[in-house]
PDB file of N, CA and C in Angstrom:
ATOM      1  N   MET A   1      -6.148   4.637  14.743  1.00  0.00           N
ATOM      2  CA  MET A   1      -5.027   4.677  13.591  1.00  0.00           C
ATOM      3  C   MET A   1      -4.951   6.166  13.305  1.00  0.00           C
ATOM      4  N   SER A   2      -5.342   7.126  14.297  1.00  0.00           N
ATOM      5  CA  SER A   2      -5.364   8.199  13.927  1.00  0.00           C
ATOM      6  C   SER A   2      -3.911   8.540  14.729  1.00  0.00           C
ATOM      7  N   ASP A   3      -3.097   8.352  15.290  1.00  0.00           N
ATOM      8  CA  ASP A   3      -1.854   8.693  15.593  1.00  0.00           C
ATOM      9  C   ASP A   3      -0.607   8.503  14.579  1.00  0.00           C
ATOM     10  N   ILE A   4      -1.549   7.665  13.374  1.00  0.00           N
ATOM     11  CA  ILE A   4      -0.439   7.495  12.028  1.00  0.00           C
ATOM     12  C   ILE A   4      -0.436   8.470  11.356  1.00  0.00           C
ATOM     13  N   THR A   5       0.784   8.881  10.684  1.00  0.00           N
ATOM     14  CA  THR A   5       0.545   9.814   9.515  1.00  0.00           C
ATOM     15  C   THR A   5       1.474   9.371   8.466  1.00  0.00           C
ATOM     16  N   ALA A   6       0.852   9.193   6.967  1.00  0.00           N
ATOM     17  CA  ALA A   6       1.532   8.967   6.121  1.00  0.00           C
ATOM     18  C   ALA A   6       2.390   9.736   5.371  1.00  0.00           C
ATOM     19  N   THR A   7       3.687   9.415   5.043  1.00  0.00           N
ATOM     20  CA  THR A   7       4.340  10.240   4.625  1.00  0.00           C
ATOM     21  C   THR A   7       4.380  10.492   2.932  1.00  0.00           C
ATOM     22  N   HIS A   8       4.029   9.572   2.384  1.00  0.00           N
ATOM     23  CA  HIS A   8       3.379   9.052   0.773  1.00  0.00           C
ATOM     24  C   HIS A   8       2.266   8.606   0.612  1.00  0.00           C
ATOM     25  N   HIS A   9       1.520   9.317  -0.795  1.00  0.00           N
ATOM     26  CA  HIS A   9       0.141   8.757  -1.000  1.00  0.00           C
ATOM     27  C   HIS A   9       0.478   8.525  -2.434  1.00  0.00           C
ATOM     28  N   LEU A  10      -0.830   7.410  -2.931  1.00  0.00           N
ATOM     29  CA  LEU A  10      -0.916   6.860  -3.977  1.00  0.00           C
ATOM     30  C   LEU A  10      -2.561   6.550  -3.876  1.00  0.00           C
ATOM     31  N   ASN A  11      -2.953   7.410  -5.131  1.00  0.00           N
ATOM     32  CA  ASN A  11      -4.355   7.344  -5.771  1.00  0.00           C
ATOM     33  C   ASN A  11      -4.465   6.007  -6.967  1.00  0.00           C
ATOM     34  N   ALA A  12      -4.847   4.945  -6.284  1.00  0.00           N
ATOM     35  CA  ALA A  12      -4.711   3.910  -7.569  1.00  0.00           C
ATOM     36  C   ALA A  12      -6.105   3.674  -7.634  1.00  0.00           C
ATOM     37  N   LYS A  13      -7.426   4.476  -7.437  1.00  0.00           N
ATOM     38  CA  LYS A  13      -8.750   4.719  -8.131  1.00  0.00           C
ATOM     39  C   LYS A  13      -8.560   4.526  -9.238  1.00  0.00           C
ATOM     40  N   GLY A  14      -9.678   3.611  -9.636  1.00  0.00           N
ATOM     41  CA  GLY A  14      -9.917   3.224 -11.266  1.00  0.00           C
ATOM     42  C   GLY A  14      -8.799   2.313 -11.925  1.00  0.00           C
ATOM     43  N   LEU A  15      -7.712   2.080 -11.477  1.00  0.00           N
ATOM     44  CA  LEU A  15      -6.899   1.638 -11.999  1.00  0.00           C
ATOM     45  C   LEU A  15      -7.048  -0.459 -11.551  1.00  0.00           C
ATOM     46  N   PHE A  16      -6.745  -1.118 -12.164  1.00  0.00           N
ATOM     47  CA  PHE A  16      -6.656  -2.411 -11.870  1.00  0.00           C
ATOM     48  C   PHE A  16      -5.257  -3.019 -12.199  1.00  0.00           C
ATOM     49  N   CYS A  17      -5.326  -4.374 -11.438  1.00  0.00           N
ATOM     50  CA  CYS A  17      -3.855  -5.243 -11.479  1.00  0.00           C
ATOM     51  C   CYS A  17      -3.428  -5.253 -12.666  1.00  0.00           C
ATOM     52  N   PRO A  18      -2.217  -5.075 -12.957  1.00  0.00           N
ATOM     53  CA  PRO A  18      -1.326  -5.040 -11.990  1.00  0.00           C
ATOM     54  C   PRO A  18      -0.657  -3.893 -11.784  1.00  0.00           C
ATOM     55  N   GLU A  19      -1.413  -2.871 -11.815  1.00  0.00           N
ATOM     56  CA  GLU A  19      -0.766  -1.153 -12.379  1.00  0.00           C
ATOM     57  C   GLU A  19      -0.818  -0.889 -10.871  1.00  0.00           C
ATOM     58  N   PRO A  20      -1.734  -0.786  -9.772  1.00  0.00           N
ATOM     59  CA  PRO A  20      -1.077  -0.633  -8.027  1.00  0.00           C
ATOM     60  C   PRO A  20       0.053  -0.931  -7.740  1.00  0.00           C
ATOM     61  N   VAL A  21       0.154  -2.524  -7.670  1.00  0.00           N
ATOM     62  CA  VAL A  21       1.373  -3.121  -7.331  1.00  0.00           C
ATOM     63  C   VAL A  21       2.764  -2.687  -7.765  1.00  0.00           C
ATOM     64  N   MET A  22       2.490  -2.261  -8.979  1.00  0.00           N
ATOM     65  CA  MET A  22       4.097  -1.912  -9.671  1.00  0.00           C
ATOM     66  C   MET A  22       3.974  -0.545  -9.007  1.00  0.00           C
ATOM     67  N   MET A  23       2.798   0.396  -8.934  1.00  0.00           N
ATOM     68  CA  MET A  23       3.130   1.408  -8.574  1.00  0.00           C
ATOM     69  C   MET A  23       3.381   1.602  -7.457  1.00  0.00           C
ATOM     70  N   LEU A  24       2.626   1.007  -6.341  1.00  0.00           N
ATOM     71  CA  LEU A  24       3.442   0.658  -5.044  1.00  0.00           C
ATOM     72  C   LEU A  24       4.663   0.314  -4.831  1.00  0.00           C
ATOM     73  N   HIS A  25       5.325  -0.652  -5.748  1.00  0.00           N
ATOM     74  CA  HIS A  25       6.604  -1.119  -5.910  1.00  0.00           C
ATOM     75  C   HIS A  25       7.664  -0.155  -5.658  1.00  0.00           C
ATOM     76  N   ASN A  26       7.438   0.520  -6.827  1.00  0.00           N
ATOM     77  CA  ASN A  26       8.081   1.882  -7.313  1.00  0.00           C
ATOM     78  C   ASN A  26       7.873   3.176  -5.938  1.00  0.00           C
ATOM     79  N   ILE A  27       6.719   3.234  -4.909  1.00  0.00           N
ATOM     80  CA  ILE A  27       6.715   4.211  -4.017  1.00  0.00           C
ATOM     81  C   ILE A  27       7.832   3.577  -2.897  1.00  0.00           C
ATOM     82  N   ILE A  28       7.427   2.512  -2.771  1.00  0.00           N
ATOM     83  CA  ILE A  28       8.155   1.397  -0.983  1.00  0.00           C
ATOM     84  C   ILE A  28       9.833   1.794  -1.778  1.00  0.00           C
ATOM     85  N   ARG A  29      10.035   1.524  -2.942  1.00  0.00           N
ATOM     86  CA  ARG A  29      11.624   1.533  -3.424  1.00  0.00           C
ATOM     87  C   ARG A  29      12.406   2.989  -2.874  1.00  0.00           C
ATOM     88  N   ASP A  30      11.245   3.792  -3.039  1.00  0.00           N
ATOM     89  CA  ASP A  30      12.093   5.261  -3.233  1.00  0.00           C
ATOM     90  C   ASP A  30      11.883   5.576  -1.385  1.00  0.00           C
ATOM     91  N   MET A  31      11.069   5.188  -0.767  1.00  0.00           N
ATOM     92  CA  MET A  31      10.602   5.393   0.811  1.00  0.00           C
ATOM     93  C   MET A  31      11.926   5.101   1.456  1.00  0.00           C
ATOM     94  N   ALA A  32      12.055   6.093   2.433  1.00  0.00           N
ATOM     95  CA  ALA A  32      12.790   5.655   3.814  1.00  0.00           C
ATOM     96  C   ALA A  32      12.067   4.581   4.675  1.00  0.00           C
ATOM     97  N   LEU A  33      12.932   3.964   5.413  1.00  0.00           N
ATOM     98  CA  LEU A  33      12.747   3.061   6.393  1.00  0.00           C
ATOM     99  C   LEU A  33      11.538   3.648   7.796  1.00  0.00           C
ATOM    100  N   ASN A  34      10.723   2.993   7.751  1.00  0.00           N
ATOM    101  CA  ASN A  34       9.545   3.499   8.652  1.00  0.00           C
ATOM    102  C   ASN A  34       8.560   4.645   8.103  1.00  0.00           C
ATOM    103  N   ASP A  35       8.748   5.091   6.839  1.00  0.00           N
ATOM    104  CA  ASP A  35       8.091   5.778   6.408  1.00  0.00           C
ATOM    105  C   ASP A  35       6.266   5.141   5.833  1.00  0.00           C
ATOM    106  N   VAL A  36       5.665   5.758   6.406  1.00  0.00           N
ATOM    107  CA  VAL A  36       4.258   5.204   5.678  1.00  0.00           C
ATOM    108  C   VAL A  36       3.618   5.533   4.310  1.00  0.00           C
ATOM    109  N   VAL A  37       3.056   4.519   3.843  1.00  0.00           N
ATOM    110  CA  VAL A  37       2.418   5.465   2.661  1.00  0.00           C
ATOM    111  C   VAL A  37       1.082   4.976   2.586  1.00  0.00           C
ATOM    112  N   GLU A  38      -0.162   5.646   1.884  1.00  0.00           N
ATOM    113  CA  GLU A  38      -1.373   5.588   2.136  1.00  0.00           C
ATOM    114  C   GLU A  38      -2.101   5.296   0.663  1.00  0.00           C
ATOM    115  N   ILE A  39      -2.673   4.354   0.949  1.00  0.00           N
ATOM    116  CA  ILE A  39      -3.043   3.974  -0.938  1.00  0.00           C
ATOM    117  C   ILE A  39      -4.445   3.790  -1.077  1.00  0.00           C
ATOM    118  N   LEU A  40      -5.128   4.461  -1.784  1.00  0.00           N
ATOM    119  CA  LEU A  40      -6.587   4.280  -2.247  1.00  0.00           C
ATOM    120  C   LEU A  40      -6.826   3.859  -3.497  1.00  0.00           C
ATOM    121  N   ALA A  41      -7.507   2.691  -3.454  1.00  0.00           N
ATOM    122  CA  ALA A  41      -7.458   1.676  -4.569  1.00  0.00           C
ATOM    123  C   ALA A  41      -9.313   1.390  -4.728  1.00  0.00           C
ATOM    124  N   THR A  42      -9.787   1.069  -5.955  1.00  0.00           N
ATOM    125  CA  THR A  42     -11.271   0.862  -5.748  1.00  0.00           C
ATOM    126  C   THR A  42     -11.301  -0.836  -6.514  1.00  0.00           C
ATOM    127  N   ASP A  43      -9.960  -1.573  -7.107  1.00  0.00           N
ATOM    128  CA  ASP A  43     -10.348  -3.012  -7.556  1.00  0.00           C
ATOM    129  C   ASP A  43      -9.733  -3.566  -6.268  1.00  0.00           C
ATOM    130  N   PRO A  44     -11.152  -4.541  -6.005  1.00  0.00           N
ATOM    131  CA  PRO A  44     -11.001  -5.493  -5.107  1.00  0.00           C
ATOM    132  C   PRO A  44     -10.001  -6.194  -4.692  1.00  0.00           C
ATOM    133  N   SER A  45      -8.923  -6.554  -5.902  1.00  0.00           N
ATOM    134  CA  SER A  45      -7.619  -7.837  -5.978  1.00  0.00           C
ATOM    135  C   SER A  45      -7.103  -6.826  -5.021  1.00  0.00           C
ATOM    136  N   THR A  46      -6.938  -5.779  -4.996  1.00  0.00           N
ATOM    137  CA  THR A  46      -5.928  -4.729  -4.264  1.00  0.00           C
ATOM    138  C   THR A  46      -5.647  -5.394  -2.755  1.00  0.00           C
ATOM    139  N   GLN A  47      -6.976  -6.044  -2.415  1.00  0.00           N
ATOM    140  CA  GLN A  47      -6.885  -6.468  -1.071  1.00  0.00           C
ATOM    141  C   GLN A  47      -5.825  -7.746  -0.991  1.00  0.00           C
ATOM    142  N   ARG A  48      -5.836  -8.636  -1.555  1.00  0.00           N
ATOM    143  CA  ARG A  48      -4.796  -9.929  -1.869  1.00  0.00           C
ATOM    144  C   ARG A  48      -3.624  -9.326  -2.334  1.00  0.00           C
ATOM    145  N   ASP A  49      -3.603  -8.560  -3.283  1.00  0.00           N
ATOM    146  CA  ASP A  49      -2.295  -8.481  -3.940  1.00  0.00           C
ATOM    147  C   ASP A  49      -1.548  -7.519  -3.112  1.00  0.00           C
ATOM    148  N   PHE A  50      -1.904  -6.591  -2.297  1.00  0.00           N
ATOM    149  CA  PHE A  50      -0.880  -5.748  -1.285  1.00  0.00           C
ATOM    150  C   PHE A  50      -0.216  -6.467  -0.210  1.00  0.00           C
ATOM    151  N   LEU A  51      -1.304  -7.544   0.332  1.00  0.00           N
ATOM    152  CA  LEU A  51      -1.064  -8.628   1.760  1.00  0.00           C
ATOM    153  C   LEU A  51      -0.237  -9.023   0.884  1.00  0.00           C
ATOM    154  N   LYS A  52      -0.185  -9.892  -0.268  1.00  0.00           N
ATOM    155  CA  LYS A  52       1.042 -10.383  -0.791  1.00  0.00           C
ATOM    156  C   LYS A  52       2.079 -10.309  -0.930  1.00  0.00           C
ATOM    157  N   PHE A  53       2.281  -8.841  -0.905  1.00  0.00           N
ATOM    158  CA  PHE A  53       3.223  -8.041  -1.794  1.00  0.00           C
ATOM    159  C   PHE A  53       3.993  -7.745  -0.622  1.00  0.00           C
ATOM    160  N   CYS A  54       3.315  -7.221   0.680  1.00  0.00           N
ATOM    161  CA  CYS A  54       3.688  -6.934   1.917  1.00  0.00           C
ATOM    162  C   CYS A  54       4.619  -8.208   2.509  1.00  0.00           C
ATOM    163  N   ASN A  55       4.009  -9.447   2.415  1.00  0.00           N
ATOM    164  CA  ASN A  55       4.051 -10.939   3.035  1.00  0.00           C
ATOM    165  C   ASN A  55       5.730 -10.762   2.245  1.00  0.00           C
ATOM    166  N   PHE A  56       5.454 -10.926   0.872  1.00  0.00           N
ATOM    167  CA  PHE A  56       7.075 -11.411   0.016  1.00  0.00           C
ATOM    168  C   PHE A  56       8.475 -10.376   0.068  1.00  0.00           C
ATOM    169  N   LEU A  57       7.950  -9.165   0.459  1.00  0.00           N
ATOM    170  CA  LEU A  57       8.607  -7.832   0.564  1.00  0.00           C
ATOM    171  C   LEU A  57       9.349  -7.557   1.635  1.00  0.00           C
ATOM    172  N   ASN A  58       8.551  -8.231   3.049  1.00  0.00           N
ATOM    173  CA  ASN A  58       9.122  -8.341   4.360  1.00  0.00           C
ATOM    174  C   ASN A  58       8.336  -6.137   4.797  1.00  0.00           C
ATOM    175  N   GLN A  59       7.179  -6.114   4.310  1.00  0.00           N
ATOM    176  CA  GLN A  59       6.987  -4.795   4.646  1.00  0.00           C
ATOM    177  C   GLN A  59       5.518  -4.593   5.424  1.00  0.00           C
ATOM    178  N   GLU A  60       5.116  -4.058   6.301  1.00  0.00           N
ATOM    179  CA  GLU A  60       4.034  -3.943   7.369  1.00  0.00           C
ATOM    180  C   GLU A  60       2.751  -3.618   6.845  1.00  0.00           C
ATOM    181  N   MET A  61       1.922  -4.202   6.670  1.00  0.00           N
ATOM    182  CA  MET A  61       0.582  -3.775   6.612  1.00  0.00           C
ATOM    183  C   MET A  61      -0.344  -3.383   8.074  1.00  0.00           C
ATOM    184  N   ILE A  62      -0.591  -1.745   8.017  1.00  0.00           N
ATOM    185  CA  ILE A  62      -0.716  -1.322   8.923  1.00  0.00           C
ATOM    186  C   ILE A  62      -2.281  -1.565   9.032  1.00  0.00           C
ATOM    187  N   LEU A  63      -2.920  -1.501   7.763  1.00  0.00           N
ATOM    188  CA  LEU A  63      -4.518  -1.326   8.193  1.00  0.00           C
ATOM    189  C   LEU A  63      -5.050  -1.353   6.762  1.00  0.00           C
ATOM    190  N   MET A  64      -5.734  -2.065   6.859  1.00  0.00           N
ATOM    191  CA  MET A  64      -6.591  -2.506   5.006  1.00  0.00           C
ATOM    192  C   MET A  64      -8.223  -2.313   5.665  1.00  0.00           C
ATOM    193  N   GLU A  65      -8.648  -1.343   5.154  1.00  0.00           N
ATOM    194  CA  GLU A  65     -10.066  -1.284   5.196  1.00  0.00           C
ATOM    195  C   GLU A  65     -10.908  -0.707   4.145  1.00  0.00           C
ATOM    196  N   GLU A  66     -12.205  -1.099   3.987  1.00  0.00           N
ATOM    197  CA  GLU A  66     -12.938  -0.733   2.584  1.00  0.00           C
ATOM    198  C   GLU A  66     -14.427   0.062   3.219  1.00  0.00           C
ATOM    199  N   GLN A  67     -14.669   1.118   2.527  1.00  0.00           N
ATOM    200  CA  GLN A  67     -15.729   1.835   2.695  1.00  0.00           C
ATOM    201  C   GLN A  67     -16.385   2.364   1.479  1.00  0.00           C
ATOM    202  N   ASP A  68     -17.271   1.949   1.086  1.00  0.00           N
ATOM    203  CA  ASP A  68     -18.336   2.722  -0.343  1.00  0.00           C
ATOM    204  C   ASP A  68     -17.493   2.233  -1.141  1.00  0.00           C
ATOM    205  N   GLY A  69     -16.990   1.243  -1.051  1.00  0.00           N
ATOM    206  CA  GLY A  69     -16.359   0.329  -2.586  1.00  0.00           C
ATOM    207  C   GLY A  69     -14.723   0.965  -3.007  1.00  0.00           C
ATOM    208  N   VAL A  70     -13.978   1.744  -1.807  1.00  0.00           N
ATOM    209  CA  VAL A  70     -13.024   2.644  -1.985  1.00  0.00           C
ATOM    210  C   VAL A  70     -12.102   1.724  -0.754  1.00  0.00           C
ATOM    211  N   TYR A  71     -10.908   1.100  -0.977  1.00  0.00           N
ATOM    212  CA  TYR A  71     -10.236   0.254  -0.168  1.00  0.00           C
ATOM    213  C   TYR A  71      -9.195   1.447  -0.016  1.00  0.00           C
ATOM    214  N   ARG A  72      -8.698   1.451   1.104  1.00  0.00           N
ATOM    215  CA  ARG A  72      -7.799   2.122   2.037  1.00  0.00           C
ATOM    216  C   ARG A  72      -6.451   1.174   2.811  1.00  0.00           C
ATOM    217  N   PHE A  73      -5.255   1.761   2.434  1.00  0.00           N
ATOM    218  CA  PHE A  73      -4.415   0.923   3.221  1.00  0.00           C
ATOM    219  C   PHE A  73      -3.067   1.688   3.482  1.00  0.00           C
ATOM    220  N   LEU A  74      -2.496   1.553   4.907  1.00  0.00           N
ATOM    221  CA  LEU A  74      -1.450   2.114   5.125  1.00  0.00           C
ATOM    222  C   LEU A  74      -0.445   1.043   5.379  1.00  0.00           C
ATOM    223  N   ILE A  75       1.053   1.387   4.627  1.00  0.00           N
ATOM    224  CA  ILE A  75       1.887   0.341   4.442  1.00  0.00           C
ATOM    225  C   ILE A  75       3.049   1.163   5.143  1.00  0.00           C
ATOM    226  N   LYS A  76       4.110   0.210   5.778  1.00  0.00           N
ATOM    227  CA  LYS A  76       4.980   0.858   6.576  1.00  0.00           C
ATOM    228  C   LYS A  76       6.223  -0.234   6.137  1.00  0.00           C
ATOM    229  N   LYS A  77       6.638   0.734   5.704  1.00  0.00           N
ATOM    230  CA  LYS A  77       8.238   0.335   5.102  1.00  0.00           C
ATOM    231  C   LYS A  77       9.404  -0.403   6.443  1.00  0.00           C
ATOM    232  N   GLN A  78       9.331  -1.502   6.231  1.00  0.00           N
ATOM    233  CA  GLN A  78       9.823  -2.188   7.207  1.00  0.00           C
ATOM    234  C   GLN A  78      11.301  -2.834   6.893  1.00  0.00           C
ATOM    235  N   SER A  79      11.550  -3.179   5.613  1.00  0.00           N
ATOM    236  CA  SER A  79      12.916  -3.787   5.068  1.00  0.00           C
ATOM    237  C   SER A  79      13.331  -2.936   3.552  1.00  0.00           C
ATOM    238  N   ASP A  80      14.574  -2.960   3.304  1.00  0.00           N
ATOM    239  CA  ASP A  80      14.959  -2.412   1.791  1.00  0.00           C
ATOM    240  C   ASP A  80      14.975  -3.906   1.228  1.00  0.00           C
ATOM    241  N   ASP A  81      15.016  -4.715   1.204  1.00  0.00           N
ATOM    242  CA  ASP A  81      14.455  -6.049   0.335  1.00  0.00           C
ATOM    243  C   ASP A  81      13.554  -6.041  -0.840  1.00  0.00           C
ATOM    244  N   GLU A  82      14.162  -6.255  -1.913  1.00  0.00           N
ATOM    245  CA  GLU A  82      13.262  -5.892  -3.309  1.00  0.00           C
ATOM    246  C   GLU A  82      13.342  -7.258  -4.047  1.00  0.00           C
TER     247      GLU A  82
END
C-alpha cells in the first residue's frame, strides 16, 4: 500500500458514530474523482460504517487496518453519486 498517496486526510480519533461518517461524506463530496482520503479513527464501529458508506455510494475501500486501537482507512473516490 506504500504506492498509494492520500490527497486528503481526516482525523476522526475520539469521535463516535455518526460524526465520522458525516465528516467523511463532506470530504468525499469535495474530492475529485480518483482522489484518496486517509481516515484515522478510534471508534470500532467505523469499520462497519465506512464499509457500508463505500458500498452505498460506490466508493472504493482500498485499505482497512487496525493498530493499537487506531483504525486506518484509505478510500478512493470512484463516483460522484451522493
